C-alpha atoms as a PDB file:
ATOM      1  CA  MET A   1      13.354   2.539  16.996  1.00  0.00           C
ATOM      2  CA  LYS A   2      13.456   5.325  14.429  1.00  0.00           C
ATOM      3  CA  HIS A   3      15.146   4.407  11.142  1.00  0.00           C
ATOM      4  CA  ASN A   4      17.518   6.751   9.354  1.00  0.00           C
ATOM      5  CA  PRO A   5      16.090   7.320   5.821  1.00  0.00           C
ATOM      6  CA  PHE A   6      19.489   8.365   4.460  1.00  0.00           C
ATOM      7  CA  LEU A   7      21.025   5.111   5.715  1.00  0.00           C
ATOM      8  CA  LEU A   8      18.192   3.249   3.950  1.00  0.00           C
ATOM      9  CA  VAL A   9      19.129   4.861   0.633  1.00  0.00           C
ATOM     10  CA  ILE A  10      22.815   3.922   1.115  1.00  0.00           C
ATOM     11  CA  VAL A  11      21.913   0.331   1.960  1.00  0.00           C
ATOM     12  CA  LEU A  12      19.617   0.023  -1.063  1.00  0.00           C
ATOM     13  CA  ILE A  13      22.281   1.407  -3.393  1.00  0.00           C
ATOM     14  CA  THR A  14      24.863  -0.981  -1.910  1.00  0.00           C
ATOM     15  CA  LEU A  15      22.540  -3.980  -2.264  1.00  0.00           C
ATOM     16  CA  TYR A  16      21.207  -3.036  -5.691  1.00  0.00           C
ATOM     17  CA  PRO A  17      23.217  -5.643  -7.723  1.00  0.00           C
ATOM     18  CA  MET A  18      21.864  -8.398  -5.443  1.00  0.00           C
ATOM     19  CA  LEU A  19      18.335  -6.983  -5.593  1.00  0.00           C
ATOM     20  CA  HIS A  20      18.553  -6.843  -9.389  1.00  0.00           C
ATOM     21  CA  THR A  21      19.538 -10.525  -9.631  1.00  0.00           C
ATOM     22  CA  HIS A  22      16.917 -11.548  -7.082  1.00  0.00           C
ATOM     23  CA  SER A  23      14.175  -9.641  -8.883  1.00  0.00           C
ATOM     24  CA  GLN A  24      15.038 -11.433 -12.138  1.00  0.00           C
ATOM     25  CA  GLU A  25      14.704 -14.777 -10.389  1.00  0.00           C
ATOM     26  CA  THR A  26      11.419 -13.998  -8.610  1.00  0.00           C
ATOM     27  CA  GLY A  27       9.791 -11.925 -11.355  1.00  0.00           C
ATOM     28  CA  ALA A  28       9.458  -8.924  -9.041  1.00  0.00           C
ATOM     29  CA  LYS A  29       9.415  -5.551 -10.778  1.00  0.00           C
ATOM     30  CA  ARG A  30      11.923  -2.861  -9.798  1.00  0.00           C
ATOM     31  CA  ILE A  31      10.348   0.472  -8.844  1.00  0.00           C
ATOM     32  CA  ALA A  32      12.368   3.616  -8.197  1.00  0.00           C
ATOM     33  CA  VAL A  33      10.482   6.234  -6.164  1.00  0.00           C
ATOM     34  CA  TYR A  34      11.794   9.792  -6.534  1.00  0.00           C
ATOM     35  CA  ASP A  35      11.277  12.987  -4.597  1.00  0.00           C
ATOM     36  CA  PHE A  36       8.579  15.428  -5.739  1.00  0.00           C
ATOM     37  CA  ASP A  37       9.271  18.018  -8.421  1.00  0.00           C
ATOM     38  CA  LYS A  38       9.624  21.502  -6.925  1.00  0.00           C
ATOM     39  CA  SER A  39       9.538  23.412 -10.208  1.00  0.00           C
ATOM     40  CA  GLN A  40       5.887  24.371  -9.681  1.00  0.00           C
ATOM     41  CA  PHE A  41       6.208  24.723  -5.918  1.00  0.00           C
ATOM     42  CA  GLN A  42       7.984  27.990  -5.167  1.00  0.00           C
ATOM     43  CA  SER A  43       7.294  30.606  -7.806  1.00  0.00           C
ATOM     44  CA  SER A  44       7.382  33.754  -5.658  1.00  0.00           C
ATOM     45  CA  PRO A  45       7.953  34.829  -2.025  1.00  0.00           C
ATOM     46  CA  SER A  46       4.244  35.599  -1.597  1.00  0.00           C
ATOM     47  CA  ASP A  47       3.215  32.197  -2.954  1.00  0.00           C
ATOM     48  CA  SER A  48       5.778  30.533  -0.718  1.00  0.00           C
ATOM     49  CA  PHE A  49       4.318  32.354   2.305  1.00  0.00           C
ATOM     50  CA  LYS A  50       0.794  31.226   1.351  1.00  0.00           C
ATOM     51  CA  ASP A  51       1.899  27.598   1.064  1.00  0.00           C
ATOM     52  CA  ILE A  52       3.764  27.615   4.359  1.00  0.00           C
ATOM     53  CA  PHE A  53       0.831  29.361   6.078  1.00  0.00           C
ATOM     54  CA  GLY A  54      -1.409  26.650   4.646  1.00  0.00           C
ATOM     55  CA  GLY A  55       0.788  23.971   6.182  1.00  0.00           C
ATOM     56  CA  LEU A  56       2.164  22.961   2.779  1.00  0.00           C
ATOM     57  CA  ASN A  57       5.940  22.837   2.468  1.00  0.00           C
ATOM     58  CA  ASP A  58       8.784  20.612   1.325  1.00  0.00           C
ATOM     59  CA  ASP A  59       8.630  18.331   4.343  1.00  0.00           C
ATOM     60  CA  LYS A  60       4.865  17.848   4.089  1.00  0.00           C
ATOM     61  CA  LEU A  61       4.955  17.087   0.367  1.00  0.00           C
ATOM     62  CA  ARG A  62       7.829  14.671   0.918  1.00  0.00           C
ATOM     63  CA  GLU A  63       5.477  12.520   2.989  1.00  0.00           C
ATOM     64  CA  ILE A  64       3.768  11.402  -0.237  1.00  0.00           C
ATOM     65  CA  PRO A  65       6.763   9.684  -1.917  1.00  0.00           C
ATOM     66  CA  GLN A  66       7.646   8.218   1.495  1.00  0.00           C
ATOM     67  CA  TYR A  67       4.119   6.801   1.737  1.00  0.00           C
ATOM     68  CA  ILE A  68       4.545   5.268  -1.739  1.00  0.00           C
ATOM     69  CA  VAL A  69       7.870   3.701  -0.675  1.00  0.00           C
ATOM     70  CA  SER A  70       6.269   2.257   2.450  1.00  0.00           C
ATOM     71  CA  TYR A  71       3.315   0.852   0.509  1.00  0.00           C
ATOM     72  CA  TYR A  72       5.182  -0.993  -2.252  1.00  0.00           C
ATOM     73  CA  THR A  73       7.898  -2.236   0.120  1.00  0.00           C
ATOM     74  CA  ASN A  74       5.186  -4.444   1.657  1.00  0.00           C
ATOM     75  CA  ASP A  75       4.309  -6.006  -1.721  1.00  0.00           C
ATOM     76  CA  ASP A  76       6.592  -8.878  -2.762  1.00  0.00           C
ATOM     77  CA  ARG A  77       5.704  -8.274  -6.413  1.00  0.00           C
ATOM     78  CA  PHE A  78       8.005  -5.254  -6.340  1.00  0.00           C
ATOM     79  CA  ILE A  79      11.569  -4.341  -5.393  1.00  0.00           C
ATOM     80  CA  VAL A  80      11.562  -0.718  -4.189  1.00  0.00           C
ATOM     81  CA  ILE A  81      14.558   1.571  -4.586  1.00  0.00           C
ATOM     82  CA  ASP A  82      14.051   4.661  -2.438  1.00  0.00           C
ATOM     83  CA  LYS A  83      15.321   7.686  -4.334  1.00  0.00           C
ATOM     84  CA  SER A  84      13.036  10.142  -2.567  1.00  0.00           C
ATOM     85  CA  LYS A  85      15.878  11.704  -0.586  1.00  0.00           C
ATOM     86  CA  ILE A  86      17.855  12.433  -3.746  1.00  0.00           C
ATOM     87  CA  GLN A  87      16.679  15.348  -5.842  1.00  0.00           C
ATOM     88  CA  LEU A  88      16.040  14.143  -9.388  1.00  0.00           C
ATOM     89  CA  ILE A  89      17.024  17.466 -10.951  1.00  0.00           C
ATOM     90  CA  LYS A  90      19.243  19.534  -8.704  1.00  0.00           C
ATOM     91  CA  GLU A  91      19.956  22.695 -10.655  1.00  0.00           C
ATOM     92  CA  GLU A  92      17.286  25.366 -10.872  1.00  0.00           C
ATOM     93  CA  LYS A  93      17.858  25.845 -14.607  1.00  0.00           C
ATOM     94  CA  GLU A  94      17.141  22.148 -15.153  1.00  0.00           C
ATOM     95  CA  ARG A  95      13.983  22.314 -13.032  1.00  0.00           C
ATOM     96  CA  GLN A  96      12.714  25.059 -15.321  1.00  0.00           C
ATOM     97  CA  LYS A  97      13.099  22.975 -18.469  1.00  0.00           C
ATOM     98  CA  SER A  98      10.152  21.582 -20.388  1.00  0.00           C
ATOM     99  CA  GLU A  99       8.081  18.630 -19.230  1.00  0.00           C
ATOM    100  CA  GLU A 100       9.281  16.673 -22.265  1.00  0.00           C
ATOM    101  CA  PHE A 101      12.867  17.168 -21.114  1.00  0.00           C
ATOM    102  CA  ILE A 102      12.019  15.921 -17.612  1.00  0.00           C
ATOM    103  CA  ASP A 103      10.202  12.850 -18.984  1.00  0.00           C
ATOM    104  CA  GLY A 104      13.168  11.960 -21.188  1.00  0.00           C
ATOM    105  CA  TYR A 105      15.626  12.529 -18.352  1.00  0.00           C
ATOM    106  CA  ILE A 106      13.675  10.224 -16.027  1.00  0.00           C
ATOM    107  CA  VAL A 107      13.392   7.391 -18.556  1.00  0.00           C
ATOM    108  CA  GLU A 108      17.073   7.559 -19.510  1.00  0.00           C
ATOM    109  CA  GLN A 109      18.098   7.412 -15.858  1.00  0.00           C
ATOM    110  CA  GLY A 110      15.794   4.429 -15.360  1.00  0.00           C
ATOM    111  CA  LYS A 111      17.378   2.564 -18.279  1.00  0.00           C
ATOM    112  CA  GLU A 112      20.879   3.192 -16.946  1.00  0.00           C
ATOM    113  CA  GLU A 113      20.026   1.859 -13.483  1.00  0.00           C
ATOM    114  CA  GLY A 114      17.920  -1.099 -14.621  1.00  0.00           C
ATOM    115  CA  PHE A 115      14.532  -0.030 -13.273  1.00  0.00           C
ATOM    116  CA  ASP A 116      11.221  -1.358 -14.580  1.00  0.00           C
ATOM    117  CA  TYR A 117       9.148   1.585 -13.345  1.00  0.00           C
ATOM    118  CA  ILE A 118       9.820   5.047 -11.982  1.00  0.00           C
ATOM    119  CA  ILE A 119       7.340   6.872  -9.747  1.00  0.00           C
ATOM    120  CA  TYR A 120       7.630  10.643  -9.744  1.00  0.00           C
ATOM    121  CA  THR A 121       5.530  13.116  -7.741  1.00  0.00           C
ATOM    122  CA  LYS A 122       4.706  16.660  -8.825  1.00  0.00           C
ATOM    123  CA  TYR A 123       2.941  19.546  -7.094  1.00  0.00           C
ATOM    124  CA  PHE A 124       0.740  21.919  -9.134  1.00  0.00           C
ATOM    125  CA  ARG A 125       0.390  25.285  -7.435  1.00  0.00           C
ATOM    126  CA  GLN A 126      -2.444  26.613  -9.595  1.00  0.00           C
ATOM    127  CA  ASP A 127      -5.064  24.133  -8.404  1.00  0.00           C
ATOM    128  CA  LYS A 128      -3.154  22.876  -5.326  1.00  0.00           C
ATOM    129  CA  SER A 129      -3.046  19.303  -6.565  1.00  0.00           C
ATOM    130  CA  ILE A 130      -0.576  16.436  -6.350  1.00  0.00           C
ATOM    131  CA  SER A 131       0.206  14.287  -9.375  1.00  0.00           C
ATOM    132  CA  VAL A 132       1.909  10.892  -9.170  1.00  0.00           C
ATOM    133  CA  ARG A 133       3.215   9.719 -12.520  1.00  0.00           C
ATOM    134  CA  VAL A 134       4.425   6.183 -13.298  1.00  0.00           C
ATOM    135  CA  TYR A 135       6.940   5.729 -16.116  1.00  0.00           C
ATOM    136  CA  ASP A 136       7.405   2.405 -17.908  1.00  0.00           C
ATOM    137  CA  VAL A 137      11.131   2.361 -18.626  1.00  0.00           C
ATOM    138  CA  ALA A 138      10.990  -0.435 -21.225  1.00  0.00           C
ATOM    139  CA  THR A 139       8.490   1.379 -23.462  1.00  0.00           C
ATOM    140  CA  GLN A 140       9.879   4.834 -22.583  1.00  0.00           C
ATOM    141  CA  SER A 141       6.383   6.104 -21.878  1.00  0.00           C
ATOM    142  CA  ILE A 142       4.063   7.254 -19.110  1.00  0.00           C
ATOM    143  CA  LEU A 143       2.193   4.177 -17.892  1.00  0.00           C
ATOM    144  CA  CYS A 144      -0.404   6.122 -15.898  1.00  0.00           C
ATOM    145  CA  GLU A 145      -0.939   9.214 -13.768  1.00  0.00           C
ATOM    146  CA  ALA A 146      -2.966   9.794 -10.599  1.00  0.00           C
ATOM    147  CA  LYS A 147      -4.008  13.234  -9.386  1.00  0.00           C
ATOM    148  CA  GLU A 148      -5.620  14.509  -6.174  1.00  0.00           C
ATOM    149  CA  LYS A 149      -6.235  17.964  -4.736  1.00  0.00           C
ATOM    150  CA  VAL A 150      -4.672  18.920  -1.419  1.00  0.00           C
ATOM    151  CA  SER A 151      -7.084  20.529   1.021  1.00  0.00           C
ATOM    152  CA  SER A 152      -6.222  22.738   3.994  1.00  0.00           C
ATOM    153  CA  SER A 153      -8.130  24.352   6.823  1.00  0.00           C
ATOM    154  CA  PHE A 154      -7.082  26.876   9.492  1.00  0.00           C
ATOM    155  CA  GLY A 155      -3.490  26.813   8.347  1.00  0.00           C
ATOM    156  CA  MET A 156      -3.061  23.014   8.291  1.00  0.00           C
ATOM    157  CA  VAL A 157      -3.086  20.455   5.495  1.00  0.00           C
ATOM    158  CA  LYS A 158      -5.956  18.004   5.908  1.00  0.00           C
ATOM    159  CA  ASN A 159      -5.736  14.261   5.389  1.00  0.00           C
ATOM    160  CA  LEU A 160      -2.408  14.086   3.550  1.00  0.00           C
ATOM    161  CA  ASP A 161      -2.226  10.403   4.478  1.00  0.00           C
ATOM    162  CA  GLU A 162      -5.666   9.872   2.950  1.00  0.00           C
ATOM    163  CA  THR A 163      -4.595  11.754  -0.179  1.00  0.00           C
ATOM    164  CA  SER A 164      -1.543   9.484  -0.469  1.00  0.00           C
ATOM    165  CA  ALA A 165      -3.762   6.403  -0.108  1.00  0.00           C
ATOM    166  CA  LYS A 166      -6.058   7.604  -2.892  1.00  0.00           C
ATOM    167  CA  LEU A 167      -3.098   8.269  -5.194  1.00  0.00           C
ATOM    168  CA  VAL A 168      -1.605   4.816  -4.579  1.00  0.00           C
ATOM    169  CA  GLN A 169      -4.902   3.014  -5.142  1.00  0.00           C
ATOM    170  CA  GLN A 170      -5.417   4.944  -8.380  1.00  0.00           C
ATOM    171  CA  ILE A 171      -1.973   3.769  -9.502  1.00  0.00           C
ATOM    172  CA  ASN A 172      -2.757   0.188  -8.538  1.00  0.00           C
ATOM    173  CA  LYS A 173      -5.975   0.302 -10.547  1.00  0.00           C
ATOM    174  CA  SER A 174      -4.648   2.088 -13.646  1.00  0.00           C
ATOM    175  CA  CYS A 175      -1.051   0.849 -13.855  1.00  0.00           C
ATOM    176  CA  PHE A 176      -0.594  -2.483 -12.167  1.00  0.00           C
ATOM    177  CA  SER A 177      -4.083  -4.061 -12.089  1.00  0.00           C
ATOM    178  CA  ILE A 178      -3.364  -5.240  -8.545  1.00  0.00           C
ATOM    179  CA  GLN A 179      -5.888  -7.663  -7.108  1.00  0.00           C
ATOM    180  CA  TYR A 180      -6.098  -9.078  -3.600  1.00  0.00           C
ATOM    181  CA  GLU A 181      -7.118 -12.651  -2.851  1.00  0.00           C
ATOM    182  CA  VAL A 182     -10.478 -13.470  -1.311  1.00  0.00           C
ATOM    183  CA  VAL A 183      -9.815 -15.832   1.620  1.00  0.00           C
ATOM    184  CA  ARG A 184     -13.235 -17.007   2.853  1.00  0.00           C
ATOM    185  CA  SER A 185     -16.643 -16.009   4.164  1.00  0.00           C
ATOM    186  CA  ILE A 186     -16.783 -15.059   7.845  1.00  0.00           C
ATOM    187  CA  ASP A 187     -20.564 -15.388   8.121  1.00  0.00           C
ATOM    188  CA  LYS A 188     -21.596 -17.913  10.742  1.00  0.00           C
ATOM    189  CA  LYS A 189     -25.030 -18.599   9.256  1.00  0.00           C
ATOM    190  CA  ALA A 190     -24.657 -17.787   5.576  1.00  0.00           C
ATOM    191  CA  ARG A 191     -26.850 -20.326   3.761  1.00  0.00           C
ATOM    192  CA  SER A 192     -27.520 -18.782   0.396  1.00  0.00           C
ATOM    193  CA  SER A 193     -25.790 -15.401   0.357  1.00  0.00           C
ATOM    194  CA  VAL A 194     -22.484 -14.090   1.719  1.00  0.00           C
ATOM    195  CA  LYS A 195     -22.593 -10.935   3.839  1.00  0.00           C
ATOM    196  CA  LYS A 196     -18.940 -10.602   4.865  1.00  0.00           C
ATOM    197  CA  LEU A 197     -15.686 -11.676   3.236  1.00  0.00           C
ATOM    198  CA  LEU A 198     -12.140 -11.926   4.545  1.00  0.00           C
ATOM    199  CA  ILE A 199      -9.563 -10.626   2.053  1.00  0.00           C
ATOM    200  CA  LEU A 200      -5.783 -10.862   1.982  1.00  0.00           C
ATOM    201  CA  ALA A 201      -5.044  -7.149   2.352  1.00  0.00           C
ATOM    202  CA  GLY A 202      -4.611  -5.131   5.525  1.00  0.00           C
ATOM    203  CA  ALA A 203      -2.552  -2.446   7.200  1.00  0.00           C
ATOM    204  CA  ASN A 204       0.555  -3.360   5.185  1.00  0.00           C
ATOM    205  CA  GLN A 205      -1.345  -2.483   2.023  1.00  0.00           C
ATOM    206  CA  LYS A 206      -2.640   0.747   3.624  1.00  0.00           C
ATOM    207  CA  ILE A 207      -6.230  -0.498   3.476  1.00  0.00           C
ATOM    208  CA  LYS A 208      -8.726   1.795   5.247  1.00  0.00           C
ATOM    209  CA  LYS A 209     -12.320   1.481   6.405  1.00  0.00           C
ATOM    210  CA  GLY A 210     -14.666   2.709   3.699  1.00  0.00           C
ATOM    211  CA  PHE A 211     -12.566   1.491   0.758  1.00  0.00           C
ATOM    212  CA  VAL A 212     -14.824  -0.080  -1.884  1.00  0.00           C
ATOM    213  CA  PHE A 213     -13.671  -3.187  -3.758  1.00  0.00           C
ATOM    214  CA  GLU A 214     -15.027  -5.077  -6.737  1.00  0.00           C
ATOM    215  CA  ILE A 215     -15.170  -8.857  -6.266  1.00  0.00           C
ATOM    216  CA  LEU A 216     -13.776 -10.761  -9.253  1.00  0.00           C
ATOM    217  CA  GLU A 217     -13.996 -14.355 -10.429  1.00  0.00           C
ATOM    218  CA  LEU A 218     -10.899 -15.767 -12.103  1.00  0.00           C
ATOM    219  CA  LYS A 219     -11.783 -17.738 -15.227  1.00  0.00           C
ATOM    220  CA  ILE A 220      -9.649 -19.575 -17.745  1.00  0.00           C
ATOM    221  CA  GLU A 221     -10.555 -18.989 -21.371  1.00  0.00           C
ATOM    222  CA  LYS A 222      -9.238 -21.555 -23.863  1.00  0.00           C
ATOM    223  CA  VAL A 223      -8.616 -20.416 -27.413  1.00  0.00           C
ATOM    224  CA  GLY A 224      -7.262 -23.222 -29.540  1.00  0.00           C
ATOM    225  CA  ASP A 225      -4.296 -24.692 -27.706  1.00  0.00           C
ATOM    226  CA  LYS A 226      -3.776 -21.591 -25.560  1.00  0.00           C
ATOM    227  CA  SER A 227      -5.274 -20.669 -22.158  1.00  0.00           C
ATOM    228  CA  PHE A 228      -5.879 -17.123 -20.919  1.00  0.00           C
ATOM    229  CA  GLU A 229      -6.786 -15.842 -17.462  1.00  0.00           C
ATOM    230  CA  ARG A 230      -9.658 -13.351 -17.254  1.00  0.00           C
ATOM    231  CA  PHE A 231     -11.316 -11.581 -14.346  1.00  0.00           C
ATOM    232  CA  PHE A 232     -15.098 -11.158 -14.279  1.00  0.00           C
ATOM    233  CA  PRO A 233     -16.869  -8.811 -11.797  1.00  0.00           C
ATOM    234  CA  ILE A 234     -19.445 -10.575  -9.611  1.00  0.00           C
ATOM    235  CA  GLY A 235     -20.004  -8.248  -6.660  1.00  0.00           C
ATOM    236  CA  ILE A 236     -19.140  -5.152  -4.638  1.00  0.00           C
ATOM    237  CA  GLY A 237     -17.922  -4.870  -1.042  1.00  0.00           C
ATOM    238  CA  GLU A 238     -16.855  -2.167   1.410  1.00  0.00           C
ATOM    239  CA  VAL A 239     -14.115  -2.473   4.027  1.00  0.00           C
ATOM    240  CA  VAL A 240     -15.711  -2.412   7.487  1.00  0.00           C
ATOM    241  CA  GLU A 241     -12.713  -3.653   9.473  1.00  0.00           C
ATOM    242  CA  VAL A 242      -8.947  -3.810   9.039  1.00  0.00           C
ATOM    243  CA  GLU A 243      -8.076  -6.803  11.217  1.00  0.00           C
ATOM    244  CA  ASP A 244      -4.273  -6.660  11.149  1.00  0.00           C
ATOM    245  CA  GLU A 245      -1.303  -6.190   8.818  1.00  0.00           C
ATOM    246  CA  ASN A 246      -2.559  -8.717   6.264  1.00  0.00           C
ATOM    247  CA  PHE A 247      -6.338  -9.129   6.523  1.00  0.00           C
ATOM    248  CA  SER A 248      -9.480  -7.007   6.213  1.00  0.00           C
ATOM    249  CA  VAL A 249     -13.235  -7.639   6.208  1.00  0.00           C
ATOM    250  CA  LEU A 250     -15.551  -6.608   3.375  1.00  0.00           C
ATOM    251  CA  GLN A 251     -19.270  -6.014   3.853  1.00  0.00           C
ATOM    252  CA  ILE A 252     -20.848  -7.300   0.643  1.00  0.00           C
ATOM    253  CA  LYS A 253     -23.178  -4.770  -0.979  1.00  0.00           C
ATOM    254  CA  ASP A 254     -24.020  -6.718  -4.123  1.00  0.00           C
ATOM    255  CA  GLY A 255     -23.443 -10.237  -5.489  1.00  0.00           C
ATOM    256  CA  GLY A 256     -23.709 -12.180  -2.234  1.00  0.00           C
ATOM    257  CA  LYS A 257     -25.428 -15.201  -3.816  1.00  0.00           C
ATOM    258  CA  GLU A 258     -22.927 -15.480  -6.666  1.00  0.00           C
ATOM    259  CA  ILE A 259     -20.016 -15.205  -4.213  1.00  0.00           C
ATOM    260  CA  LYS A 260     -21.522 -17.937  -2.002  1.00  0.00           C
ATOM    261  CA  ALA A 261     -21.872 -20.294  -4.980  1.00  0.00           C
ATOM    262  CA  LEU A 262     -18.258 -19.737  -6.025  1.00  0.00           C
ATOM    263  CA  LEU A 263     -16.971 -20.274  -2.478  1.00  0.00           C
ATOM    264  CA  ASP A 264     -18.933 -23.540  -2.250  1.00  0.00           C
ATOM    265  CA  SER A 265     -17.377 -24.720  -5.505  1.00  0.00           C
ATOM    266  CA  GLU A 266     -13.901 -23.633  -4.313  1.00  0.00           C
ATOM    267  CA  LYS A 267     -13.389 -21.244  -7.226  1.00  0.00           C
ATOM    268  CA  LYS A 268     -10.693 -18.600  -6.938  1.00  0.00           C
ATOM    269  CA  MET A 269     -11.846 -15.046  -6.310  1.00  0.00           C
ATOM    270  CA  TYR A 270     -10.024 -11.748  -6.029  1.00  0.00           C
ATOM    271  CA  CYS A 271     -10.935  -8.137  -5.367  1.00  0.00           C
ATOM    272  CA  LYS A 272      -9.635  -4.839  -6.685  1.00  0.00           C
ATOM    273  CA  PHE A 273      -9.914  -1.272  -5.433  1.00  0.00           C
ATOM    274  CA  VAL A 274     -12.749   0.818  -6.910  1.00  0.00           C
ATOM    275  CA  SER A 275     -13.101   3.913  -4.708  1.00  0.00           C
ATOM    276  CA  ASN A 276     -13.046   5.272  -1.167  1.00  0.00           C
END
């Protein structure tokens, strides 16, 4: 059954007070995802024709914030408020204002509505690239920015879904330090070195074959009477299979012996995205 995105926005706005209270109780962060900025998109009729001929238009670019909404909705560490159907700056004169004005406008709106982070997408015509910027509302600053070029061939945009995945994983790495749990080895005869690992990340997290992850050991460092968690890299693995919504398989490229020793001693391990 096809869902109505406009109805989703209305429901989220209606439920926002409850979501706000719930997020305080669970520790989940509130992310508002906005539509892309069109100020760099349509500068002249000829440029507009080139973009449309290249398969790049409003509807295509809007797939990126929708991808971001879909991704973080499946992560219980976040409460997602879908603002991508509501233009952030509606008047043309406002869209032509300086970048500093836009940054300030976004942060102020986030403070008023009680968001922790705001995700804002921008298209740069000059080099045909997409930028996804994350604002930290509390510090009134840009937390991080991811950027990818959009490629097209024979009048069609190529791999927009893949571009969205790269942007999201860049954000996860730079902004949120998101790690996924290592579940267990799936080797049947692994005696001294692990070849394949099952991780707690799958289709819901938009994991794809070919994604490369760093395997991390979680250690506790004690300094005086305080304890601190630290992650230490111990290996590298590549996704060779996405099993279902929640699980994927990594082929270990390096660190198999160290991983085996930690699994045998029941130490906690995690993995984080490196590249694709």
